[in-house]
Amino acid sequence: MYDYCSSQVDFHNLHHLACTEVRAANLIDCTFHLKSTLSFLESHQDCVKERAIKSVRIIAGVTKPVAQQAVDKVFNRCYEDLLPVRRRCFNKPDEELAYKEFLHFSKSKLS
């Protein structure tokens, strides 16, 4: 939803869709990997790629190689884009801090 509201996202464009799915997996779906492995960054990136590829395949109805190519092309840029959360939330304190920042920044924009 954030991507659609903040950018001119065309969900029929595989690269736009792939970027949105990378960001969703990065910020929400794959945070548990950071708690459970020693090589957490590599494991987290693998999880994000897997989830994004699966989502692109399902949503766009394309083959795995096509989805993988789209995800690979946008991965580095979209993986580093943490807006609007501004952080990867690994635990409850991170989630609470992100929520407090959201309230702070949304109030300052309204003023």
Protein backbone atom coordinates (compact mmCIF):
# COMPACT_ATOMS: atom_id res chain seq x y z
CA MET A 1 0.00 0.00 0.00
CA TYR A 2 2.80 2.45 0.90
CA ASP A 3 4.55 1.88 -2.42
CA TYR A 4 1.33 2.46 -4.35
CA CYS A 5 0.53 5.67 -2.45
CA SER A 6 4.03 7.15 -2.42
CA SER A 7 5.25 6.28 -5.92
CA GLN A 8 3.88 5.81 -9.37
CA VAL A 9 3.90 2.03 -9.14
CA ASP A 10 2.61 0.05 -12.09
CA PHE A 11 1.90 -3.45 -10.82
CA HIS A 12 1.83 -4.70 -14.41
CA ASN A 13 5.52 -3.80 -14.63
CA LEU A 14 7.44 -6.81 -13.27
CA HIS A 15 10.26 -4.64 -11.91
CA HIS A 16 7.84 -2.46 -9.93
CA LEU A 17 6.08 -5.56 -8.62
CA ALA A 18 9.39 -7.23 -7.77
CA CYS A 19 10.57 -4.18 -5.86
CA THR A 20 7.36 -4.03 -3.84
CA GLU A 21 7.63 -7.72 -3.01
CA VAL A 22 11.32 -7.42 -2.01
CA ARG A 23 10.43 -4.57 0.32
CA ALA A 24 7.48 -6.47 1.85
CA ALA A 25 9.54 -9.59 2.47
CA ASN A 26 12.41 -7.52 3.82
CA LEU A 27 10.37 -5.49 6.28
CA ILE A 28 7.80 -8.08 7.35
CA ASP A 29 8.10 -11.67 6.19
CA CYS A 30 11.74 -12.53 6.83
CA THR A 31 12.69 -10.85 10.10
CA PHE A 32 12.67 -14.17 11.97
CA HIS A 33 15.78 -15.25 10.04
CA LEU A 34 17.81 -12.60 11.80
CA LYS A 35 17.21 -14.27 15.14
CA SER A 36 17.92 -17.84 14.16
CA THR A 37 21.23 -18.05 12.32
CA LEU A 38 24.84 -16.97 12.62
CA SER A 39 25.11 -15.75 9.04
CA PHE A 40 21.93 -13.75 9.46
CA LEU A 41 22.46 -11.22 6.68
CA GLU A 42 22.97 -13.88 4.03
CA SER A 43 20.08 -15.94 5.39
CA HIS A 44 17.84 -12.88 5.51
CA GLN A 45 18.68 -11.89 1.94
CA ASP A 46 18.01 -15.46 0.76
CA CYS A 47 14.65 -15.44 2.52
CA VAL A 48 13.73 -12.08 0.98
CA LYS A 49 14.68 -13.25 -2.51
CA GLU A 50 12.75 -16.52 -2.15
CA ARG A 51 9.62 -14.82 -0.88
CA ALA A 52 9.76 -12.08 -3.52
CA ILE A 53 10.24 -14.57 -6.35
CA LYS A 54 7.34 -16.68 -5.10
CA SER A 55 5.08 -13.64 -4.80
CA VAL A 56 5.97 -12.31 -8.26
CA ARG A 57 5.31 -15.74 -9.77
CA ILE A 58 1.88 -15.97 -8.14
CA ILE A 59 0.75 -12.38 -8.71
CA ALA A 60 2.06 -11.97 -12.27
CA GLY A 61 1.60 -15.58 -13.36
CA VAL A 62 5.12 -15.86 -14.75
CA THR A 63 7.68 -18.65 -14.63
CA LYS A 64 10.29 -18.91 -11.89
CA PRO A 65 13.18 -17.80 -14.17
CA VAL A 66 11.24 -14.69 -15.26
CA ALA A 67 10.35 -13.82 -11.66
CA GLN A 68 13.92 -14.46 -10.52
CA GLN A 69 15.34 -12.20 -13.23
CA ALA A 70 12.99 -9.37 -12.21
CA VAL A 71 13.84 -9.75 -8.51
CA ASP A 72 17.59 -9.96 -9.19
CA LYS A 73 17.50 -6.78 -11.27
CA VAL A 74 15.93 -4.66 -8.49
CA PHE A 75 17.13 -6.50 -5.40
CA ASN A 76 20.02 -4.34 -4.17
CA ARG A 77 18.19 -1.05 -4.48
CA CYS A 78 14.88 -2.29 -3.08
CA TYR A 79 16.46 -4.31 -0.25
CA GLU A 80 18.08 -1.14 1.07
CA ASP A 81 14.83 0.87 0.89
CA LEU A 82 13.38 0.69 4.40
CA LEU A 83 10.69 3.37 4.15
CA PRO A 84 8.24 3.91 5.75
CA VAL A 85 9.41 1.75 8.68
CA ARG A 86 13.03 3.00 8.48
CA ARG A 87 14.40 -0.16 10.08
CA ARG A 88 14.14 -3.92 10.02
CA CYS A 89 12.16 -4.80 13.13
CA PHE A 90 13.72 -7.80 14.83
CA ASN A 91 11.87 -7.68 18.13
CA LYS A 92 9.14 -5.92 20.08
CA PRO A 93 11.30 -2.90 21.11
CA ASP A 94 12.18 -2.29 17.44
CA GLU A 95 8.50 -2.43 16.51
CA GLU A 96 7.58 0.02 19.28
CA LEU A 97 10.34 2.43 18.25
CA ALA A 98 9.24 2.30 14.62
CA TYR A 99 5.67 3.05 15.70
CA LYS A 100 6.79 6.02 17.85
CA GLU A 101 8.83 7.38 14.93
CA PHE A 102 5.82 6.97 12.66
CA LEU A 103 3.70 9.02 15.05
CA HIS A 104 6.41 11.68 15.34
CA PHE A 105 7.02 12.04 11.60
CA SER A 106 3.36 11.88 10.62
CA LYS A 107 2.53 14.68 13.09
CA SER A 108 5.35 16.86 11.81
CA LYS A 109 4.10 16.48 8.24
CA LEU A 110 0.58 17.49 9.25
CA SER A 111 1.75 20.66 11.03
